[in-house]
Amino acid sequence: MPMKTCVVCGKKFGTSNAKKKYCSPACASKARVEKLALWKENNKDYHSNYYQSHKKES
């Protein structure tokens, strides 16, 4: 079984799945939270721009 390194904690783990990046569900969850926080930081005006562009004209 090939050894991989978790991209969150750096721990080595064995897996037969070549796409797996995290050693545990906790690390996968932490990565999702961090990714969402980064997206929100980079797209602060996303919702207001979306609603402005889809606003119905009365």
N, C-alpha and C. Protein backbone atom coordinates (compact mmCIF):
# COMPACT_ATOMS: atom_id res chain seq x y z
N MET A 1 0.84 -1.17 0.00
CA MET A 1 0.00 0.00 0.00
C MET A 1 0.90 1.25 0.00
N PRO A 2 0.68 2.16 -0.96
CA PRO A 2 1.52 3.37 -1.03
C PRO A 2 1.26 4.31 0.15
N MET A 3 2.30 4.97 0.59
CA MET A 3 2.19 5.95 1.67
C MET A 3 2.02 7.34 1.07
N LYS A 4 1.12 8.10 1.66
CA LYS A 4 0.90 9.48 1.25
C LYS A 4 1.04 10.36 2.48
N THR A 5 1.14 11.68 2.25
CA THR A 5 1.24 12.64 3.34
C THR A 5 -0.02 13.50 3.35
N CYS A 6 -0.65 13.61 4.50
CA CYS A 6 -1.86 14.42 4.65
C CYS A 6 -1.51 15.89 4.38
N VAL A 7 -2.32 16.55 3.55
CA VAL A 7 -2.04 17.94 3.20
C VAL A 7 -2.41 18.91 4.33
N VAL A 8 -3.14 18.44 5.34
CA VAL A 8 -3.53 19.31 6.45
C VAL A 8 -2.53 19.19 7.61
N CYS A 9 -2.31 17.97 8.09
CA CYS A 9 -1.49 17.79 9.29
C CYS A 9 -0.08 17.29 9.00
N GLY A 10 0.17 16.81 7.79
CA GLY A 10 1.50 16.33 7.43
C GLY A 10 1.79 14.90 7.86
N LYS A 11 0.80 14.21 8.42
CA LYS A 11 0.97 12.84 8.88
C LYS A 11 1.00 11.88 7.69
N LYS A 12 1.85 10.87 7.75
CA LYS A 12 1.92 9.84 6.71
C LYS A 12 0.81 8.82 6.94
N PHE A 13 0.17 8.38 5.85
CA PHE A 13 -0.89 7.38 5.96
C PHE A 13 -0.88 6.51 4.72
N GLY A 14 -1.34 5.29 4.87
CA GLY A 14 -1.41 4.35 3.76
C GLY A 14 -2.80 4.35 3.14
N THR A 15 -2.84 4.29 1.82
CA THR A 15 -4.13 4.26 1.13
C THR A 15 -3.98 3.56 -0.21
N SER A 16 -5.05 2.93 -0.64
CA SER A 16 -5.05 2.32 -1.97
C SER A 16 -5.74 3.24 -2.97
N ASN A 17 -6.29 4.37 -2.48
CA ASN A 17 -6.97 5.33 -3.33
C ASN A 17 -6.00 6.45 -3.70
N ALA A 18 -5.67 6.58 -4.97
CA ALA A 18 -4.70 7.57 -5.41
C ALA A 18 -5.19 9.00 -5.25
N LYS A 19 -6.50 9.20 -5.14
CA LYS A 19 -7.06 10.56 -5.03
C LYS A 19 -7.15 11.06 -3.59
N LYS A 20 -6.96 10.20 -2.62
CA LYS A 20 -7.13 10.58 -1.22
C LYS A 20 -6.02 11.55 -0.80
N LYS A 21 -6.41 12.66 -0.13
CA LYS A 21 -5.45 13.67 0.29
C LYS A 21 -5.36 13.83 1.80
N TYR A 22 -6.32 13.26 2.53
CA TYR A 22 -6.39 13.50 3.96
C TYR A 22 -6.31 12.18 4.72
N CYS A 23 -5.69 12.22 5.89
CA CYS A 23 -5.50 11.00 6.67
C CYS A 23 -6.75 10.60 7.44
N SER A 24 -7.67 11.54 7.66
CA SER A 24 -8.85 11.25 8.46
C SER A 24 -10.00 12.16 8.06
N PRO A 25 -11.22 11.81 8.44
CA PRO A 25 -12.35 12.69 8.19
C PRO A 25 -12.20 14.05 8.88
N ALA A 26 -11.54 14.08 10.03
CA ALA A 26 -11.33 15.35 10.73
C ALA A 26 -10.44 16.29 9.91
N CYS A 27 -9.41 15.76 9.28
CA CYS A 27 -8.53 16.59 8.44
C CYS A 27 -9.28 17.04 7.18
N ALA A 28 -10.10 16.18 6.62
CA ALA A 28 -10.88 16.55 5.44
C ALA A 28 -11.85 17.67 5.79
N SER A 29 -12.48 17.58 6.95
CA SER A 29 -13.41 18.61 7.40
C SER A 29 -12.70 19.93 7.63
N LYS A 30 -11.55 19.88 8.26
CA LYS A 30 -10.76 21.08 8.50
C LYS A 30 -10.37 21.74 7.18
N ALA A 31 -10.00 20.95 6.20
CA ALA A 31 -9.63 21.48 4.88
C ALA A 31 -10.82 22.15 4.21
N ARG A 32 -12.03 21.56 4.33
CA ARG A 32 -13.23 22.17 3.75
C ARG A 32 -13.53 23.51 4.39
N VAL A 33 -13.41 23.59 5.71
CA VAL A 33 -13.67 24.84 6.43
C VAL A 33 -12.68 25.92 5.98
N GLU A 34 -11.41 25.55 5.89
CA GLU A 34 -10.38 26.51 5.47
C GLU A 34 -10.60 26.96 4.02
N LYS A 35 -10.98 26.03 3.15
CA LYS A 35 -11.22 26.38 1.75
C LYS A 35 -12.41 27.33 1.62
N LEU A 36 -13.48 27.07 2.38
CA LEU A 36 -14.64 27.94 2.34
C LEU A 36 -14.30 29.33 2.88
N ALA A 37 -13.54 29.41 3.95
CA ALA A 37 -13.14 30.70 4.52
C ALA A 37 -12.31 31.49 3.51
N LEU A 38 -11.41 30.82 2.81
CA LEU A 38 -10.60 31.49 1.79
C LEU A 38 -11.46 31.98 0.64
N TRP A 39 -12.43 31.17 0.22
CA TRP A 39 -13.32 31.58 -0.87
C TRP A 39 -14.13 32.81 -0.45
N LYS A 40 -14.67 32.79 0.78
CA LYS A 40 -15.44 33.93 1.26
C LYS A 40 -14.60 35.20 1.33
N GLU A 41 -13.35 35.06 1.74
CA GLU A 41 -12.44 36.21 1.80
C GLU A 41 -12.19 36.79 0.41
N ASN A 42 -12.05 35.93 -0.58
CA ASN A 42 -11.75 36.38 -1.94
C ASN A 42 -12.98 36.78 -2.75
N ASN A 43 -14.19 36.47 -2.26
CA ASN A 43 -15.42 36.75 -2.99
C ASN A 43 -16.44 37.45 -2.10
N LYS A 44 -16.01 38.49 -1.41
CA LYS A 44 -16.86 39.18 -0.44
C LYS A 44 -18.14 39.73 -1.06
N ASP A 45 -18.08 40.18 -2.30
CA ASP A 45 -19.24 40.80 -2.94
C ASP A 45 -20.04 39.84 -3.79
N TYR A 46 -19.79 38.57 -3.70
CA TYR A 46 -20.46 37.60 -4.57
C TYR A 46 -21.98 37.67 -4.47
N HIS A 47 -22.50 37.61 -3.26
CA HIS A 47 -23.95 37.58 -3.09
C HIS A 47 -24.60 38.89 -3.50
N SER A 48 -24.02 40.01 -3.11
CA SER A 48 -24.63 41.29 -3.48
C SER A 48 -24.57 41.50 -4.99
N ASN A 49 -23.49 41.10 -5.62
CA ASN A 49 -23.40 41.22 -7.08
C ASN A 49 -24.39 40.28 -7.77
N TYR A 50 -24.56 39.10 -7.23
CA TYR A 50 -25.49 38.14 -7.82
C TYR A 50 -26.92 38.69 -7.75
N TYR A 51 -27.30 39.17 -6.58
CA TYR A 51 -28.67 39.66 -6.42
C TYR A 51 -28.91 40.93 -7.24
N GLN A 52 -27.91 41.76 -7.38
CA GLN A 52 -28.05 42.97 -8.20
C GLN A 52 -28.24 42.61 -9.66
N SER A 53 -27.52 41.61 -10.13
CA SER A 53 -27.59 41.23 -11.55
C SER A 53 -28.86 40.45 -11.87
N HIS A 54 -29.51 39.86 -10.85
CA HIS A 54 -30.72 39.07 -11.08
C HIS A 54 -31.98 39.75 -10.53
N LYS A 55 -31.83 41.00 -10.18
CA LYS A 55 -32.94 41.75 -9.61
C LYS A 55 -33.99 42.02 -10.69
N LYS A 56 -35.23 41.77 -10.36
CA LYS A 56 -36.31 42.02 -11.32
C LYS A 56 -36.58 43.52 -11.36
N GLU A 57 -36.76 44.00 -12.55
CA GLU A 57 -37.10 45.41 -12.69
C GLU A 57 -38.59 45.57 -12.52
N SER A 58 -38.98 46.50 -11.66
CA SER A 58 -40.41 46.70 -11.37
C SER A 58 -40.98 47.83 -12.19
